[in-house]
Amino acid sequence: MPLHRRLPKRGFHNPFRVEFEVVNLDTLSERFDAGTVITPEALVAAGLVTGNSPIKVLARGDVSKALTVKAHKFSGKAAEKIAAAGGQVEALA
């Protein structure tokens, strides 16, 4: 028997899974000033993410500044909190 048939297979591995880099609202509010346009390039320059994966913004913490955030994906609560603070949310393709 060949080795690849003798070894057990474990679980399912989805080849189409997309891994997002996560950024939370509390880190955005402490790193950026009010009125700033936050792009993926700005997040890489700030050292919050690496430049390889798409970015998702999550709702941990609060934001009290009006920020314009451009990312690939947003959680529902994060988009609500940014809009409530007077900011804008823009989803990138």
N, C-alpha and C. Protein backbone atom coordinates (compact mmCIF):
# COMPACT_ATOMS: atom_id res chain seq x y z
N MET A 1 0.84 -1.20 0.00
CA MET A 1 0.00 0.00 0.00
C MET A 1 0.88 1.25 0.00
N PRO A 2 0.59 2.22 -0.83
CA PRO A 2 1.35 3.47 -0.81
C PRO A 2 1.08 4.26 0.48
N LEU A 3 2.03 5.10 0.81
CA LEU A 3 1.95 5.86 2.08
C LEU A 3 0.73 6.75 2.13
N HIS A 4 0.38 7.41 1.05
CA HIS A 4 -0.76 8.32 1.08
C HIS A 4 -2.08 7.60 1.30
N ARG A 5 -2.15 6.33 1.07
CA ARG A 5 -3.37 5.57 1.35
C ARG A 5 -3.35 4.95 2.74
N ARG A 6 -2.17 4.80 3.31
CA ARG A 6 -2.06 4.22 4.66
C ARG A 6 -2.35 5.24 5.75
N LEU A 7 -2.04 6.50 5.50
CA LEU A 7 -2.23 7.53 6.53
C LEU A 7 -3.70 7.97 6.57
N PRO A 8 -4.23 8.21 7.77
CA PRO A 8 -5.64 8.63 7.87
C PRO A 8 -5.82 10.08 7.43
N LYS A 9 -6.97 10.36 6.91
CA LYS A 9 -7.33 11.72 6.53
C LYS A 9 -8.17 12.32 7.66
N ARG A 10 -7.94 13.58 7.94
CA ARG A 10 -8.64 14.23 9.05
C ARG A 10 -9.40 15.46 8.55
N GLY A 11 -10.71 15.46 8.69
CA GLY A 11 -11.52 16.64 8.46
C GLY A 11 -11.63 17.08 7.02
N PHE A 12 -12.19 18.24 6.88
CA PHE A 12 -12.42 18.84 5.57
C PHE A 12 -11.64 20.15 5.50
N HIS A 13 -10.95 20.37 4.41
CA HIS A 13 -10.19 21.59 4.21
C HIS A 13 -10.73 22.29 2.96
N ASN A 14 -11.37 23.42 3.19
CA ASN A 14 -11.99 24.17 2.10
C ASN A 14 -10.93 24.92 1.31
N PRO A 15 -10.74 24.61 0.04
CA PRO A 15 -9.71 25.31 -0.73
C PRO A 15 -10.11 26.74 -1.11
N PHE A 16 -11.40 27.11 -0.95
CA PHE A 16 -11.88 28.42 -1.34
C PHE A 16 -12.05 29.38 -0.15
N ARG A 17 -11.60 28.99 1.03
CA ARG A 17 -11.74 29.81 2.22
C ARG A 17 -10.92 31.09 2.08
N VAL A 18 -11.50 32.20 2.51
CA VAL A 18 -10.82 33.49 2.47
C VAL A 18 -10.45 33.88 3.89
N GLU A 19 -9.17 34.08 4.15
CA GLU A 19 -8.69 34.50 5.47
C GLU A 19 -8.61 36.02 5.51
N PHE A 20 -9.34 36.63 6.44
CA PHE A 20 -9.32 38.07 6.60
C PHE A 20 -8.38 38.46 7.72
N GLU A 21 -7.77 39.65 7.58
CA GLU A 21 -7.02 40.24 8.68
C GLU A 21 -8.00 41.12 9.44
N VAL A 22 -7.99 41.01 10.76
CA VAL A 22 -9.00 41.64 11.59
C VAL A 22 -8.45 42.91 12.22
N VAL A 23 -9.27 43.98 12.16
CA VAL A 23 -8.97 45.24 12.83
C VAL A 23 -10.21 45.61 13.64
N ASN A 24 -10.02 46.00 14.90
CA ASN A 24 -11.14 46.38 15.76
C ASN A 24 -11.28 47.89 15.84
N LEU A 25 -12.47 48.32 16.22
CA LEU A 25 -12.76 49.76 16.27
C LEU A 25 -11.92 50.49 17.32
N ASP A 26 -11.64 49.84 18.45
CA ASP A 26 -10.86 50.53 19.49
C ASP A 26 -9.45 50.84 19.01
N THR A 27 -8.84 49.97 18.22
CA THR A 27 -7.51 50.26 17.70
C THR A 27 -7.56 51.35 16.63
N LEU A 28 -8.62 51.39 15.84
CA LEU A 28 -8.75 52.46 14.85
C LEU A 28 -8.91 53.81 15.52
N SER A 29 -9.71 53.87 16.59
CA SER A 29 -9.95 55.15 17.23
C SER A 29 -8.73 55.67 17.98
N GLU A 30 -7.89 54.78 18.48
CA GLU A 30 -6.71 55.26 19.21
C GLU A 30 -5.53 55.56 18.28
N ARG A 31 -5.49 54.97 17.09
CA ARG A 31 -4.36 55.19 16.18
C ARG A 31 -4.57 56.33 15.19
N PHE A 32 -5.84 56.66 14.87
CA PHE A 32 -6.10 57.64 13.83
C PHE A 32 -6.88 58.83 14.39
N ASP A 33 -6.65 60.00 13.82
CA ASP A 33 -7.34 61.23 14.23
C ASP A 33 -8.69 61.34 13.55
N ALA A 34 -9.52 62.25 14.07
CA ALA A 34 -10.85 62.47 13.50
C ALA A 34 -10.73 63.02 12.09
N GLY A 35 -11.62 62.58 11.21
CA GLY A 35 -11.63 63.05 9.84
C GLY A 35 -10.65 62.34 8.92
N THR A 36 -9.95 61.35 9.42
CA THR A 36 -8.97 60.63 8.62
C THR A 36 -9.66 59.61 7.72
N VAL A 37 -9.15 59.46 6.50
CA VAL A 37 -9.61 58.40 5.61
C VAL A 37 -8.68 57.21 5.83
N ILE A 38 -9.24 56.12 6.34
CA ILE A 38 -8.45 54.94 6.66
C ILE A 38 -8.57 53.95 5.51
N THR A 39 -7.47 53.73 4.81
CA THR A 39 -7.41 52.80 3.69
C THR A 39 -6.55 51.60 4.09
N PRO A 40 -6.56 50.53 3.31
CA PRO A 40 -5.66 49.41 3.61
C PRO A 40 -4.19 49.83 3.63
N GLU A 41 -3.81 50.78 2.78
CA GLU A 41 -2.43 51.25 2.78
C GLU A 41 -2.09 51.97 4.09
N ALA A 42 -3.04 52.73 4.64
CA ALA A 42 -2.82 53.42 5.91
C ALA A 42 -2.71 52.42 7.06
N LEU A 43 -3.48 51.34 6.98
CA LEU A 43 -3.40 50.31 8.03
C LEU A 43 -2.07 49.58 7.99
N VAL A 44 -1.55 49.34 6.79
CA VAL A 44 -0.23 48.70 6.66
C VAL A 44 0.85 49.64 7.18
N ALA A 45 0.74 50.93 6.84
CA ALA A 45 1.73 51.91 7.30
C ALA A 45 1.71 52.05 8.83
N ALA A 46 0.54 51.89 9.44
CA ALA A 46 0.42 51.99 10.90
C ALA A 46 0.86 50.71 11.59
N GLY A 47 1.06 49.65 10.83
CA GLY A 47 1.51 48.38 11.40
C GLY A 47 0.39 47.54 11.98
N LEU A 48 -0.86 47.82 11.62
CA LEU A 48 -1.98 47.05 12.15
C LEU A 48 -2.23 45.76 11.37
N VAL A 49 -1.89 45.75 10.09
CA VAL A 49 -2.07 44.55 9.26
C VAL A 49 -0.87 44.43 8.33
N THR A 50 -0.72 43.25 7.74
CA THR A 50 0.23 43.09 6.65
C THR A 50 -0.53 43.32 5.35
N GLY A 51 0.15 43.49 4.27
CA GLY A 51 -0.52 43.86 3.03
C GLY A 51 -1.01 42.73 2.19
N ASN A 52 -1.09 41.51 2.70
CA ASN A 52 -1.36 40.37 1.84
C ASN A 52 -2.82 39.94 1.79
N SER A 53 -3.57 40.12 2.87
CA SER A 53 -4.92 39.58 2.96
C SER A 53 -5.95 40.69 2.96
N PRO A 54 -7.21 40.35 2.62
CA PRO A 54 -8.28 41.34 2.75
C PRO A 54 -8.52 41.68 4.22
N ILE A 55 -9.12 42.84 4.46
CA ILE A 55 -9.27 43.37 5.82
C ILE A 55 -10.74 43.38 6.21
N LYS A 56 -11.01 42.96 7.46
CA LYS A 56 -12.35 43.01 8.01
C LYS A 56 -12.32 43.83 9.29
N VAL A 57 -13.28 44.74 9.43
CA VAL A 57 -13.37 45.59 10.61
C VAL A 57 -14.43 45.00 11.53
N LEU A 58 -14.04 44.76 12.79
CA LEU A 58 -14.95 44.21 13.79
C LEU A 58 -15.31 45.27 14.83
N ALA A 59 -16.35 45.01 15.62
CA ALA A 59 -16.96 46.04 16.46
C ALA A 59 -16.48 46.05 17.90
N ARG A 60 -15.33 45.49 18.22
CA ARG A 60 -14.86 45.54 19.60
C ARG A 60 -14.46 46.97 19.95
N GLY A 61 -14.96 47.47 21.05
CA GLY A 61 -14.66 48.83 21.47
C GLY A 61 -15.62 49.83 20.87
N ASP A 62 -15.37 51.10 21.16
CA ASP A 62 -16.21 52.17 20.66
C ASP A 62 -15.38 53.14 19.85
N VAL A 63 -16.05 53.85 18.97
CA VAL A 63 -15.40 54.89 18.20
C VAL A 63 -16.18 56.18 18.45
N SER A 64 -15.47 57.24 18.80
CA SER A 64 -16.12 58.52 19.08
C SER A 64 -15.73 59.58 18.07
N LYS A 65 -14.92 59.21 17.10
CA LYS A 65 -14.44 60.15 16.08
C LYS A 65 -15.12 59.83 14.76
N ALA A 66 -15.24 60.85 13.92
CA ALA A 66 -15.80 60.65 12.58
C ALA A 66 -14.68 60.17 11.66
N LEU A 67 -14.67 58.90 11.37
CA LEU A 67 -13.64 58.30 10.51
C LEU A 67 -14.28 57.78 9.23
N THR A 68 -13.56 57.88 8.14
CA THR A 68 -13.98 57.25 6.89
C THR A 68 -13.12 56.01 6.72
N VAL A 69 -13.75 54.85 6.79
CA VAL A 69 -13.01 53.58 6.77
C VAL A 69 -13.30 52.85 5.46
N LYS A 70 -12.21 52.50 4.76
CA LYS A 70 -12.32 51.71 3.54
C LYS A 70 -11.68 50.35 3.81
N ALA A 71 -12.49 49.30 3.77
CA ALA A 71 -11.99 47.94 4.01
C ALA A 71 -12.79 46.98 3.13
N HIS A 72 -12.38 45.73 3.13
CA HIS A 72 -13.04 44.74 2.28
C HIS A 72 -14.34 44.24 2.87
N LYS A 73 -14.44 44.20 4.21
CA LYS A 73 -15.64 43.69 4.84
C LYS A 73 -15.81 44.34 6.21
N PHE A 74 -17.05 44.46 6.66
CA PHE A 74 -17.38 45.04 7.96
C PHE A 74 -18.39 44.14 8.65
N SER A 75 -18.28 44.05 9.98
CA SER A 75 -19.37 43.41 10.71
C SER A 75 -20.51 44.41 10.78
N GLY A 76 -21.72 43.92 11.02
CA GLY A 76 -22.88 44.80 11.04
C GLY A 76 -22.80 45.85 12.13
N LYS A 77 -22.39 45.45 13.32
CA LYS A 77 -22.28 46.38 14.44
C LYS A 77 -21.18 47.41 14.21
N ALA A 78 -20.09 47.01 13.58
CA ALA A 78 -19.00 47.95 13.31
C ALA A 78 -19.46 49.04 12.36
N ALA A 79 -20.19 48.68 11.34
CA ALA A 79 -20.71 49.68 10.39
C ALA A 79 -21.68 50.62 11.08
N GLU A 80 -22.52 50.09 11.98
CA GLU A 80 -23.47 50.92 12.72
C GLU A 80 -22.74 51.89 13.65
N LYS A 81 -21.71 51.42 14.35
CA LYS A 81 -20.98 52.28 15.28
C LYS A 81 -20.23 53.39 14.55
N ILE A 82 -19.64 53.09 13.40
CA ILE A 82 -18.92 54.11 12.63
C ILE A 82 -19.91 55.15 12.12
N ALA A 83 -21.06 54.71 11.62
CA ALA A 83 -22.06 55.65 11.12
C ALA A 83 -22.64 56.49 12.25
N ALA A 84 -22.83 55.91 13.44
CA ALA A 84 -23.37 56.65 14.57
C ALA A 84 -22.40 57.72 15.06
N ALA A 85 -21.11 57.50 14.87
CA ALA A 85 -20.10 58.49 15.28
C ALA A 85 -19.92 59.58 14.23
N GLY A 86 -20.65 59.49 13.11
CA GLY A 86 -20.55 60.50 12.07
C GLY A 86 -19.58 60.15 10.96
N GLY A 87 -19.09 58.92 10.94
CA GLY A 87 -18.14 58.50 9.92
C GLY A 87 -18.82 57.82 8.75
N GLN A 88 -18.02 57.35 7.82
CA GLN A 88 -18.53 56.66 6.65
C GLN A 88 -17.84 55.32 6.50
N VAL A 89 -18.57 54.38 5.91
CA VAL A 89 -18.07 53.03 5.65
C VAL A 89 -18.08 52.80 4.16
N GLU A 90 -16.95 52.33 3.62
CA GLU A 90 -16.88 52.02 2.19
C GLU A 90 -16.27 50.65 2.01
N ALA A 91 -17.04 49.75 1.42
CA ALA A 91 -16.57 48.38 1.18
C ALA A 91 -15.81 48.31 -0.13
N LEU A 92 -14.62 47.76 -0.11
CA LEU A 92 -13.82 47.59 -1.31
C LEU A 92 -14.15 46.26 -1.95
N ALA A 93 -13.94 46.17 -3.23
CA ALA A 93 -14.22 44.93 -3.94
C ALA A 93 -13.11 43.92 -3.76
